[in-house]
N, C-alpha and C. Protein backbone atom coordinates (compact mmCIF):
# COMPACT_ATOMS: atom_id res chain seq x y z
N MET A 1 -7.02 -14.45 -2.48
CA MET A 1 -6.02 -13.96 -1.97
C MET A 1 -4.81 -14.18 -0.97
N SER A 2 -3.96 -13.72 -1.05
CA SER A 2 -3.05 -14.21 -0.92
C SER A 2 -2.62 -13.63 0.80
N GLU A 3 -1.79 -14.33 1.24
CA GLU A 3 -1.32 -14.33 2.99
C GLU A 3 0.04 -13.51 2.40
N HIS A 4 0.40 -12.37 3.19
CA HIS A 4 1.43 -11.85 3.19
C HIS A 4 2.58 -11.86 4.83
N ILE A 5 3.46 -11.82 4.18
CA ILE A 5 4.36 -12.14 5.74
C ILE A 5 5.39 -10.82 5.46
N TYR A 6 5.64 -10.08 6.70
CA TYR A 6 5.92 -8.78 7.03
C TYR A 6 7.14 -8.62 8.17
N LYS A 7 8.46 -8.21 7.53
CA LYS A 7 9.30 -8.26 8.28
C LYS A 7 9.52 -6.98 8.83
N THR A 8 9.79 -6.65 10.40
CA THR A 8 10.30 -5.22 10.91
C THR A 8 11.55 -4.76 10.96
N VAL A 9 12.08 -3.39 10.63
CA VAL A 9 13.25 -2.99 10.97
C VAL A 9 12.87 -1.50 11.83
N GLU A 10 13.63 -1.40 12.87
CA GLU A 10 13.61 0.01 13.71
C GLU A 10 14.45 0.62 12.99
N LEU A 11 14.19 2.13 12.81
CA LEU A 11 15.14 2.94 12.44
C LEU A 11 14.62 4.16 13.07
N THR A 12 15.47 5.26 13.29
CA THR A 12 15.66 6.60 13.64
C THR A 12 15.70 7.75 12.91
N GLY A 13 14.98 8.63 12.16
CA GLY A 13 15.06 9.53 11.71
C GLY A 13 15.37 10.93 12.64
N SER A 14 16.21 12.10 11.82
CA SER A 14 16.09 13.12 12.37
C SER A 14 16.11 14.20 11.51
N SER A 15 15.33 15.60 11.76
CA SER A 15 15.28 16.77 10.88
C SER A 15 15.29 17.86 11.91
N LYS A 16 15.77 19.00 11.43
CA LYS A 16 15.57 19.94 12.26
C LYS A 16 14.28 20.75 11.65
N ILE A 17 13.61 20.42 10.94
CA ILE A 17 12.50 20.81 10.69
C ILE A 17 11.21 20.44 11.19
N SER A 18 10.78 19.13 11.40
CA SER A 18 9.61 18.95 12.29
C SER A 18 9.79 17.15 12.56
N SER A 19 8.53 16.42 13.40
CA SER A 19 8.75 15.23 13.65
C SER A 19 8.44 14.47 12.19
N ASP A 20 7.43 15.23 11.55
CA ASP A 20 6.80 14.45 10.10
C ASP A 20 8.46 14.25 9.26
N GLU A 21 9.06 15.08 8.93
CA GLU A 21 9.95 15.37 8.36
C GLU A 21 11.30 14.34 8.40
N ALA A 22 11.41 14.37 9.74
CA ALA A 22 12.10 13.06 10.42
C ALA A 22 11.91 11.38 9.84
N ILE A 23 10.92 11.78 10.29
CA ILE A 23 9.74 10.28 9.75
C ILE A 23 9.88 10.20 8.03
N ARG A 24 10.01 11.39 7.34
CA ARG A 24 10.10 10.90 5.82
C ARG A 24 11.58 10.64 5.83
N ALA A 25 12.16 11.23 6.15
CA ALA A 25 13.70 11.26 5.71
C ALA A 25 13.70 9.85 6.49
N ALA A 26 13.61 9.14 7.19
CA ALA A 26 13.47 7.49 7.44
C ALA A 26 13.42 6.90 6.78
N ILE A 27 12.35 6.53 6.21
CA ILE A 27 11.28 6.18 5.17
C ILE A 27 12.17 6.33 3.68
N GLU A 28 12.08 7.54 3.40
CA GLU A 28 12.88 7.63 2.13
C GLU A 28 14.33 7.19 1.69
N ARG A 29 15.02 7.22 3.25
CA ARG A 29 16.53 6.43 2.75
C ARG A 29 16.53 4.91 2.80
N ALA A 30 15.83 4.51 3.90
CA ALA A 30 15.33 2.88 3.86
C ALA A 30 15.06 2.41 2.69
N SER A 31 14.30 3.17 1.76
CA SER A 31 13.42 2.78 0.65
C SER A 31 14.64 2.58 -0.46
N LYS A 32 16.15 3.30 -0.05
CA LYS A 32 16.90 3.01 -1.18
C LYS A 32 17.42 1.50 -1.41
N THR A 33 17.48 0.97 -0.21
CA THR A 33 17.63 -0.34 0.09
C THR A 33 17.16 -1.35 0.68
N ILE A 34 15.83 -1.22 0.99
CA ILE A 34 14.85 -2.27 1.36
C ILE A 34 13.50 -1.87 0.43
N ARG A 35 13.50 -2.79 -0.55
CA ARG A 35 11.94 -3.14 -1.56
C ARG A 35 10.33 -3.34 -0.19
N ASP A 36 9.45 -2.69 -0.90
CA ASP A 36 8.16 -3.21 -0.39
C ASP A 36 7.83 -2.72 0.70
N ILE A 37 8.62 -1.52 1.30
CA ILE A 37 8.24 -0.93 2.73
C ILE A 37 6.27 -0.63 2.49
N ARG A 38 6.12 -1.06 3.24
CA ARG A 38 4.14 -1.08 3.56
C ARG A 38 3.48 0.03 4.28
N TRP A 39 4.35 0.05 5.74
CA TRP A 39 4.01 0.71 6.68
C TRP A 39 4.75 0.97 7.61
N PHE A 40 4.30 2.01 8.69
CA PHE A 40 5.38 2.58 9.64
C PHE A 40 4.74 2.49 10.78
N HIS A 41 5.29 2.68 11.86
CA HIS A 41 4.90 2.75 13.37
C HIS A 41 5.69 3.65 14.35
N VAL A 42 5.33 4.97 14.53
CA VAL A 42 6.42 5.60 15.46
C VAL A 42 6.20 5.02 16.92
N THR A 43 7.48 5.02 17.25
CA THR A 43 7.51 4.42 18.87
C THR A 43 7.90 4.97 19.82
N GLU A 44 8.82 6.28 19.04
CA GLU A 44 8.89 7.58 20.37
C GLU A 44 9.77 8.67 19.29
N VAL A 45 9.18 9.89 20.17
CA VAL A 45 9.19 11.18 19.48
C VAL A 45 10.23 11.98 20.94
N ARG A 46 11.22 12.43 20.23
CA ARG A 46 11.97 12.90 20.98
C ARG A 46 12.99 14.32 20.53
N GLY A 47 13.20 14.95 20.93
CA GLY A 47 14.21 16.30 20.16
C GLY A 47 15.14 17.10 21.13
N HIS A 48 15.81 17.49 20.68
CA HIS A 48 17.02 18.49 20.95
C HIS A 48 16.36 20.04 21.25
N VAL A 49 16.49 20.34 22.61
CA VAL A 49 16.35 21.95 22.73
C VAL A 49 17.73 22.59 23.23
N ASP A 50 18.17 23.91 22.33
CA ASP A 50 19.07 24.75 22.50
C ASP A 50 18.39 26.40 22.74
N GLY A 51 18.62 26.84 23.27
CA GLY A 51 18.39 28.13 23.53
C GLY A 51 17.22 28.71 23.94
N GLY A 52 16.51 27.63 24.34
CA GLY A 52 14.67 27.29 24.62
C GLY A 52 13.90 27.03 23.57
N LYS A 53 14.62 26.53 22.43
CA LYS A 53 13.80 26.34 20.88
C LYS A 53 14.33 25.00 20.75
N VAL A 54 13.49 24.61 20.09
CA VAL A 54 13.65 22.98 19.36
C VAL A 54 14.73 23.30 18.03
N ALA A 55 15.78 22.69 18.55
CA ALA A 55 16.69 22.43 17.17
C ALA A 55 16.61 21.45 16.22
N TYR A 56 16.09 20.39 17.01
CA TYR A 56 16.19 19.22 15.95
C TYR A 56 15.17 18.42 16.71
N TRP A 57 14.43 17.38 15.27
CA TRP A 57 13.58 16.13 16.32
C TRP A 57 14.29 14.92 16.09
N GLN A 58 13.95 13.98 16.88
CA GLN A 58 14.05 12.62 16.45
C GLN A 58 12.75 11.72 16.54
N VAL A 59 12.86 10.60 15.94
CA VAL A 59 11.86 9.79 15.34
C VAL A 59 12.19 8.80 15.54
N THR A 60 11.81 8.00 16.58
CA THR A 60 12.15 6.23 16.30
C THR A 60 10.63 5.53 15.78
N LEU A 61 10.60 5.00 14.63
CA LEU A 61 9.60 4.08 13.96
C LEU A 61 10.38 2.70 13.45
N LYS A 62 9.14 2.12 13.23
CA LYS A 62 9.16 0.55 12.77
C LYS A 62 8.52 0.67 11.68
N ILE A 63 9.58 -0.05 10.41
CA ILE A 63 8.94 0.07 9.29
C ILE A 63 8.64 -1.72 8.93
N GLY A 64 7.73 -1.87 8.17
CA GLY A 64 7.59 -3.32 7.71
C GLY A 64 7.37 -3.36 6.22
N PHE A 65 7.74 -4.18 5.71
CA PHE A 65 7.93 -4.66 4.12
C PHE A 65 7.71 -6.45 3.94
N THR A 66 7.20 -6.61 2.99
CA THR A 66 6.99 -7.85 2.49
C THR A 66 8.08 -8.50 2.08
N LEU A 67 8.11 -9.63 2.51
CA LEU A 67 9.04 -10.64 2.14
C LEU A 67 8.82 -11.30 0.90
N GLU A 68 10.05 -11.41 -0.04
CA GLU A 68 9.96 -11.95 -1.52
C GLU A 68 9.62 -13.34 -1.29
N GLY A 69 9.32 -14.07 -2.23
CA GLY A 69 9.30 -15.45 -2.50
C GLY A 69 8.22 -15.93 -1.99
């Protein structure tokens, strides 16, 4: 069994649809430049209210990816 070393990065995703979609958007965008993303951890959920309705969601998360070499 090999040992894994991970690096973490903090991201904030946003979506007009849902908090889940904000998470997906952040991970999908990060995966374009970061290889081997293995996990995420949501650290904060917040949003914007307009006219008494949720206008959009913001989710801050940490992603972990394995280091190469």
